[in-house]
């Protein structure tokens, strides 16, 4: 019937509009995913091997025992064949942030009504920046002497320096970390380094502060990430790392041993899955819409067989008959596309966080 045919045409137009919405959404996700992989993580991920070590409290009760273990581990592993340098950190890029801490910059008042300023704070070993490939923009890196100095040194990121010391040289100025208290001790800024992604590749740059692992910080350093810069492929030094760790404490596992490239890939696994899933749905919906259009037009032609026969008997040319059928198909497709474009525009505005508006830095 005419009513049934009209309903089928409405369904086909709806299928086309939904398929177009999914298709546009998948294109946007693919674009965002490509941009995400182009984001500068703030370090050189080539030839980096990473792992985790956790020291049990039962065997390593105090700061002295913790620091002694890490110092000896670094001394041994730095001399392994194929190793350029080894460092330790409590947080690891691109998405293993362990700690945030309030801070107050030199010259700021202690206003209790002001929301807390939070920095991503890391305890690291000397040489961490060169091992990871983080550029030092001003000042210097930590050294072993910084553990006992009265300066209580700290290294900050470019974002923290630009925002809280605008137009000033931050080297030699002071920062107070922890809950804002006028009587709290301050740290002396000895260096400024580039921003590093610790909260995911899609995270905006955040203030960051680095402290050397030592007394006072050792309690936070029970679980540490090992970062190894290698001369050849990262996997070639894995056996040596395990051997040295076992010689220090055979009960400690070298957990999550993988290259930094593998970690970078794992960090975007959710976005990759979401992109593939929506792209698959979009392709499936488009196929269904095309099949529906074919079925409706085939049914329509079958219902109009007598009419088509009369048109041909009256001199109608096959080309004109074909153009009539194609015109009807194009009208249905065009209606579906217009509705789909309008719907996609509305939905992409409403769901903009899903498109991962990544700023490539």
Protein backbone atom coordinates (compact mmCIF):
# COMPACT_ATOMS: atom_id res chain seq x y z
CA UNK A 1 0.00 0.00 0.00
CA UNK A 2 0.99 3.63 -0.34
CA UNK A 3 1.05 4.06 3.45
CA UNK A 4 3.36 1.07 3.87
CA UNK A 5 5.69 2.33 1.14
CA UNK A 6 5.84 5.77 2.76
CA UNK A 7 6.70 4.18 6.11
CA UNK A 8 9.51 2.21 4.48
CA UNK A 9 10.88 5.37 2.90
CA UNK A 10 10.85 7.14 6.28
CA UNK A 11 12.73 4.21 7.82
CA UNK A 12 15.35 4.29 5.08
CA UNK A 13 15.84 8.05 5.50
CA UNK A 14 16.19 7.51 9.26
CA UNK A 15 18.76 4.77 8.70
CA UNK A 16 20.80 7.10 6.51
CA UNK A 17 20.67 9.90 9.09
CA UNK A 18 21.77 7.59 11.93
CA UNK A 19 24.54 6.12 9.79
CA UNK A 20 25.78 9.61 8.97
CA UNK A 21 25.81 10.60 12.65
CA UNK A 22 27.88 7.53 13.52
CA UNK A 23 30.16 8.11 10.54
CA UNK A 24 30.85 11.73 11.49
CA UNK A 25 31.42 10.71 15.09
CA UNK A 26 33.91 8.03 14.11
CA UNK A 27 35.77 10.46 11.83
CA UNK A 28 36.07 12.92 14.72
CA UNK A 29 37.32 10.20 17.04
CA UNK A 30 39.86 9.01 14.48
CA UNK A 31 41.06 12.59 14.05
CA UNK A 32 41.38 13.02 17.81
CA UNK A 33 43.18 9.69 18.16
CA UNK A 34 45.69 10.65 15.48
CA UNK A 35 46.29 13.98 17.22
CA UNK A 36 46.67 12.18 20.54
CA UNK A 37 49.47 10.04 19.13
CA UNK A 38 51.20 13.18 17.85
CA UNK A 39 51.23 14.84 21.29
CA UNK A 40 54.69 15.62 22.62
CA UNK A 41 54.94 13.70 25.94
CA UNK A 42 57.81 15.90 27.08
CA UNK A 43 60.53 13.26 26.89
CA UNK A 44 62.32 10.92 24.46
CA UNK A 45 60.58 7.53 24.55
CA UNK A 46 63.15 5.71 22.37
CA UNK A 47 65.43 3.12 23.99
CA UNK A 48 63.72 3.31 27.38
CA UNK A 49 63.00 0.28 29.56
CA UNK A 50 60.69 0.66 32.56
CA UNK A 51 59.71 -1.50 35.52
CA UNK A 52 58.32 -1.29 39.07
CA UNK A 53 59.83 -2.38 42.37
CA UNK A 54 58.00 -2.32 45.71
CA UNK A 55 59.92 -2.71 48.97
CA UNK A 56 57.89 -4.49 51.70
CA UNK A 57 57.54 -2.69 55.01
CA UNK A 58 58.45 -5.82 56.98
CA UNK A 59 62.00 -5.78 55.59
CA UNK A 60 62.51 -2.07 54.89
CA UNK A 61 61.05 -0.27 57.87
CA UNK A 62 62.82 3.09 57.98
CA UNK A 63 64.10 5.77 55.63
CA UNK A 64 67.69 4.65 56.04
CA UNK A 65 66.98 1.12 54.82
CA UNK A 66 64.94 2.36 51.87
CA UNK A 67 67.52 4.87 50.70
CA UNK A 68 70.37 2.38 51.14
CA UNK A 69 68.60 -0.17 48.94
CA UNK A 70 67.82 2.30 46.14
CA UNK A 71 71.34 3.73 46.21
CA UNK A 72 72.89 0.29 45.89
CA UNK A 73 70.43 -0.73 43.17
CA UNK A 74 71.33 2.36 41.12
CA UNK A 75 75.06 1.81 41.64
CA UNK A 76 74.88 -1.77 40.37
CA UNK A 77 72.51 -1.31 37.46
CA UNK A 78 74.25 1.79 36.09
CA UNK A 79 77.30 -0.35 35.34
CA UNK A 80 75.40 -3.05 33.42
CA UNK A 81 76.46 -3.65 29.77
CA UNK A 82 74.19 -1.82 27.32
CA UNK A 83 72.91 0.61 29.96
CA UNK A 84 73.51 4.33 29.46
CA UNK A 85 71.84 5.43 32.68
CA UNK A 86 69.30 4.30 35.29
CA UNK A 87 66.99 6.49 37.37
CA UNK A 88 64.13 6.15 39.82
CA UNK A 89 60.84 8.03 40.18
CA UNK A 90 57.59 7.64 42.11
CA UNK A 91 55.58 8.72 39.04
CA UNK A 92 56.07 7.61 35.47
CA UNK A 93 54.82 9.15 32.24
CA UNK A 94 52.59 9.10 30.40
CA UNK A 95 49.86 8.16 32.90
CA UNK A 96 51.28 6.91 36.20
CA UNK A 97 50.96 9.96 38.45
CA UNK A 98 51.34 9.03 42.13
CA UNK A 99 51.07 12.30 44.02
CA UNK A 100 49.76 15.85 43.90
CA UNK A 101 50.60 18.38 46.58
CA UNK A 102 49.50 21.95 47.43
CA UNK A 103 52.13 24.64 47.01
CA UNK A 104 52.65 28.35 47.60
CA UNK A 105 55.00 30.36 45.42
CA UNK A 106 57.32 33.03 46.74
CA UNK A 107 55.48 36.35 47.01
CA UNK A 108 52.02 34.82 47.37
CA UNK A 109 49.94 35.62 50.42
CA UNK A 110 48.53 32.85 52.61
CA UNK A 111 44.86 33.32 51.85
CA UNK A 112 42.74 30.59 53.45
CA UNK A 113 39.80 31.39 51.18
CA UNK A 114 41.84 30.75 48.03
CA UNK A 115 41.43 27.30 46.46
CA UNK A 116 44.49 25.13 46.93
CA UNK A 117 47.05 25.24 44.13
CA UNK A 118 48.07 21.69 43.29
CA UNK A 119 51.25 20.55 41.63
CA UNK A 120 52.14 17.11 40.36
CA UNK A 121 55.03 16.31 42.68
CA UNK A 122 57.67 13.66 42.04
CA UNK A 123 60.50 12.22 44.09
CA UNK A 124 63.33 11.23 41.75
CA UNK A 125 66.97 10.18 41.72
CA UNK A 126 69.72 12.43 40.32
CA UNK A 127 70.07 12.08 36.55
CA UNK A 128 66.36 11.39 36.02
CA UNK A 129 65.94 14.19 33.50
CA UNK A 130 68.85 13.09 31.32
CA UNK A 131 67.73 9.45 31.50
CA UNK A 132 64.18 10.28 30.46
CA UNK A 133 65.28 12.93 27.95
CA UNK A 134 63.53 15.88 29.63
CA UNK A 135 65.12 19.20 28.62
CA UNK A 136 66.56 21.37 31.40
CA UNK A 137 65.52 24.90 30.45
CA UNK A 138 67.25 26.81 33.25
CA UNK A 139 69.44 26.02 36.22
CA UNK A 140 70.59 22.47 36.84
CA UNK A 141 69.64 18.90 37.73
CA UNK A 142 69.97 17.37 41.19
CA UNK A 143 73.23 15.85 42.37
CA UNK A 144 74.10 13.64 45.34
CA UNK A 145 75.19 16.64 47.40
CA UNK A 146 71.65 18.03 47.28
CA UNK A 147 70.54 15.47 49.86
CA UNK A 148 72.39 17.17 52.69
CA UNK A 149 72.26 20.81 51.64
CA UNK A 150 70.36 23.35 53.70
CA UNK A 151 68.81 24.77 50.52
CA UNK A 152 66.26 21.93 50.33
CA UNK A 153 66.40 22.11 46.51
CA UNK A 154 63.46 21.66 44.16
CA UNK A 155 63.09 21.62 40.36
CA UNK A 156 59.95 23.00 38.75
CA UNK A 157 58.32 22.69 35.34
CA UNK A 158 57.96 25.36 32.68
CA UNK A 159 54.21 25.69 33.33
CA UNK A 160 54.75 26.39 37.03
CA UNK A 161 57.55 28.86 36.28
CA UNK A 162 55.57 30.75 33.61
CA UNK A 163 52.40 30.99 35.70
CA UNK A 164 53.79 31.79 39.14
CA UNK A 165 57.04 33.58 38.27
CA UNK A 166 56.04 35.52 35.12
CA UNK A 167 58.80 37.70 33.74
CA UNK A 168 61.16 36.68 36.56
CA UNK A 169 64.02 34.23 36.81
CA UNK A 170 62.74 31.52 39.18
CA UNK A 171 66.23 30.16 39.93
CA UNK A 172 67.06 30.89 43.56
CA UNK A 173 63.48 31.75 44.47
CA UNK A 174 61.43 29.70 46.87
CA UNK A 175 58.45 27.39 46.91
CA UNK A 176 56.57 26.00 49.89
CA UNK A 177 54.89 22.63 49.34
CA UNK A 178 52.19 21.08 51.49
CA UNK A 179 49.28 22.80 53.21
CA UNK A 180 49.82 26.58 53.12
CA UNK A 181 51.36 27.69 56.42
CA UNK A 182 53.51 30.81 56.89
CA UNK A 183 55.82 28.95 59.29
CA UNK A 184 56.40 25.98 56.95
CA UNK A 185 59.91 25.50 55.53
CA UNK A 186 60.52 26.46 51.92
CA UNK A 187 62.44 24.83 49.08
CA UNK A 188 64.91 26.63 46.83
CA UNK A 189 64.36 26.36 43.09
CA UNK A 190 67.53 25.14 41.38
CA UNK A 191 66.18 24.28 37.93
CA UNK A 192 63.36 24.56 35.41
CA UNK A 193 62.54 21.62 33.10
CA UNK A 194 60.09 20.99 30.29
CA UNK A 195 56.54 19.82 30.97
CA UNK A 196 56.05 16.05 31.07
CA UNK A 197 52.77 14.15 30.67
CA UNK A 198 52.06 12.21 33.89
CA UNK A 199 48.24 12.29 33.80
CA UNK A 200 47.70 11.01 30.27
CA UNK A 201 48.63 12.26 26.83
CA UNK A 202 45.34 14.17 26.59
CA UNK A 203 45.92 16.06 29.87
CA UNK A 204 46.65 19.77 29.80
CA UNK A 205 50.03 20.92 31.16
CA UNK A 206 49.96 21.18 34.95
CA UNK A 207 52.41 22.70 37.45
CA UNK A 208 55.04 20.11 38.36
CA UNK A 209 57.68 19.96 41.08
CA UNK A 210 60.52 17.49 41.57
CA UNK A 211 62.33 16.58 44.78
CA UNK A 212 65.31 14.31 45.27
CA UNK A 213 64.46 11.11 47.13
CA UNK A 214 66.05 11.34 50.57
CA UNK A 215 65.08 11.51 54.24
CA UNK A 216 61.61 12.94 54.55
CA UNK A 217 60.64 11.60 51.14
CA UNK A 218 61.73 8.02 51.53
CA UNK A 219 58.35 7.00 52.93
CA UNK A 220 56.79 7.88 49.58
CA UNK A 221 59.48 5.90 47.76
CA UNK A 222 58.57 2.40 48.83
CA UNK A 223 57.19 1.79 45.34
CA UNK A 224 59.41 3.17 42.61
CA UNK A 225 59.54 3.06 38.85
CA UNK A 226 62.86 2.13 37.29
CA UNK A 227 63.75 3.99 34.08
CA UNK A 228 66.65 2.65 32.01
CA UNK A 229 68.15 4.40 28.99
CA UNK A 230 69.70 1.68 26.82
CA UNK A 231 72.18 1.70 23.96
CA UNK A 232 70.30 -0.91 21.92
CA UNK A 233 66.81 -2.39 22.14
CA UNK A 234 65.39 -2.05 25.68
CA UNK A 235 64.74 -5.77 26.06
CA UNK A 236 68.45 -6.59 25.84
CA UNK A 237 69.14 -5.38 29.40
CA UNK A 238 66.09 -6.94 31.07
CA UNK A 239 68.00 -10.04 32.15
CA UNK A 240 70.77 -7.98 33.75
CA UNK A 241 68.25 -5.93 35.72
CA UNK A 242 66.59 -9.06 37.08
CA UNK A 243 69.95 -10.54 38.05
CA UNK A 244 71.08 -7.45 39.94
CA UNK A 245 67.74 -7.15 41.74
CA UNK A 246 67.86 -10.81 42.75
CA UNK A 247 71.40 -10.39 44.07
CA UNK A 248 70.15 -7.59 46.34
CA UNK A 249 66.92 -9.27 47.43
CA UNK A 250 65.76 -12.45 45.71
CA UNK A 251 62.22 -11.98 47.09
CA UNK A 252 61.61 -8.77 45.16
CA UNK A 253 59.90 -9.05 41.75
CA UNK A 254 60.71 -6.76 38.84
CA UNK A 255 57.10 -5.98 37.96
CA UNK A 256 55.56 -4.62 34.75
CA UNK A 257 58.80 -4.77 32.79
CA UNK A 258 58.15 -3.12 29.43
CA UNK A 259 59.54 -0.55 27.05
CA UNK A 260 58.31 3.02 27.19
CA UNK A 261 56.90 2.59 23.68
CA UNK A 262 54.69 -0.21 25.01
CA UNK A 263 53.55 1.96 27.90
CA UNK A 264 52.72 4.77 25.49
CA UNK A 265 50.62 2.39 23.41
CA UNK A 266 48.82 1.00 26.47
CA UNK A 267 48.01 4.51 27.69
CA UNK A 268 45.80 5.17 24.64
CA UNK A 269 44.19 1.73 24.63
CA UNK A 270 40.80 3.04 25.76
CA UNK A 271 40.73 5.71 23.05
CA UNK A 272 41.83 3.16 20.44
CA UNK A 273 39.05 0.75 21.44
CA UNK A 274 36.42 3.51 21.44
CA UNK A 275 37.51 4.66 17.99
CA UNK A 276 37.44 1.14 16.52
CA UNK A 277 34.07 0.39 18.12
CA UNK A 278 32.34 3.51 16.84
CA UNK A 279 33.94 3.10 13.41
CA UNK A 280 32.63 -0.47 13.21
CA UNK A 281 29.13 0.65 14.18
CA UNK A 282 29.24 3.41 11.59
CA UNK A 283 30.29 1.03 8.82
CA UNK A 284 27.63 -1.51 9.80
CA UNK A 285 24.93 1.17 9.92
CA UNK A 286 25.93 2.48 6.49
CA UNK A 287 25.71 -1.02 5.00
CA UNK A 288 22.25 -1.51 6.54
CA UNK A 289 21.10 1.85 5.19
CA UNK A 290 22.26 0.94 1.67
CA UNK A 291 20.54 -2.45 1.88
CA UNK A 292 17.37 -0.79 3.11
CA UNK A 293 17.44 1.71 0.26
CA UNK A 294 17.91 -1.10 -2.25
CA UNK A 295 15.04 -3.08 -0.75
CA UNK A 296 12.64 -0.12 -0.74
CA UNK A 297 13.48 0.89 -4.30
CA UNK A 298 13.20 -2.73 -5.47
CA UNK A 299 9.78 -3.02 -3.83
CA UNK A 300 8.71 0.34 -5.26
CA UNK A 301 9.71 -0.69 -8.79
CA UNK A 302 7.87 -3.98 -8.36
CA UNK A 303 4.71 -2.15 -7.31
CA UNK A 304 4.98 0.19 -10.33
CA UNK A 305 5.59 -2.48 -12.97
CA UNK A 306 2.29 -1.73 -14.74
CA UNK A 307 2.98 2.02 -14.67
CA UNK A 308 6.47 1.51 -16.07
CA UNK A 309 5.07 -0.74 -18.82
CA UNK A 310 2.55 1.96 -19.80
CA UNK A 311 5.29 4.62 -19.88
CA UNK A 312 7.40 2.46 -22.20
CA UNK A 313 4.35 1.72 -24.41
CA UNK A 314 3.74 5.46 -24.71
CA UNK A 315 7.29 6.06 -25.89
CA UNK A 316 9.18 6.42 -22.63
CA UNK A 317 12.85 5.58 -22.98
CA UNK A 318 14.56 3.17 -20.55
CA UNK A 319 17.02 5.91 -19.61
CA UNK A 320 14.17 8.16 -18.46
CA UNK A 321 12.62 5.33 -16.43
CA UNK A 322 15.98 4.62 -14.79
CA UNK A 323 16.47 8.32 -14.00
CA UNK A 324 13.05 8.39 -12.31
CA UNK A 325 13.97 5.49 -10.05
CA UNK A 326 17.41 6.90 -9.24
CA UNK A 327 15.89 10.32 -8.49
CA UNK A 328 13.64 8.77 -5.87
CA UNK A 329 16.62 7.00 -4.28
CA UNK A 330 18.63 10.23 -4.25
CA UNK A 331 15.77 12.14 -2.62
CA UNK A 332 15.57 9.57 0.19
CA UNK A 333 19.34 9.67 0.64
CA UNK A 334 19.44 13.48 0.62
CA UNK A 335 16.69 13.73 3.25
CA UNK A 336 18.56 11.27 5.47
CA UNK A 337 21.84 13.14 5.03
CA UNK A 338 20.34 16.54 5.85
CA UNK A 339 18.71 15.19 9.00
CA UNK A 340 21.93 13.33 9.86
CA UNK A 341 24.11 16.42 9.44
CA UNK A 342 21.85 18.48 11.69
CA UNK A 343 21.77 15.71 14.31
CA UNK A 344 25.55 15.25 14.11
CA UNK A 345 26.11 18.97 14.63
CA UNK A 346 23.93 18.96 17.75
CA UNK A 347 25.45 15.78 19.17
CA UNK A 348 29.08 16.73 18.55
CA UNK A 349 28.54 19.93 20.51
CA UNK A 350 26.87 18.07 23.37
CA UNK A 351 29.48 15.27 23.45
CA UNK A 352 32.57 17.35 22.75
CA UNK A 353 34.57 15.88 25.69
CA UNK A 354 34.50 12.50 23.93
CA UNK A 355 36.31 13.93 20.94
CA UNK A 356 39.44 14.49 23.04
CA UNK A 357 40.23 18.06 22.11
CA UNK A 358 43.95 17.44 22.42
CA UNK A 359 46.32 20.39 22.30
CA UNK A 360 49.48 19.29 20.50
CA UNK A 361 52.45 20.67 22.36
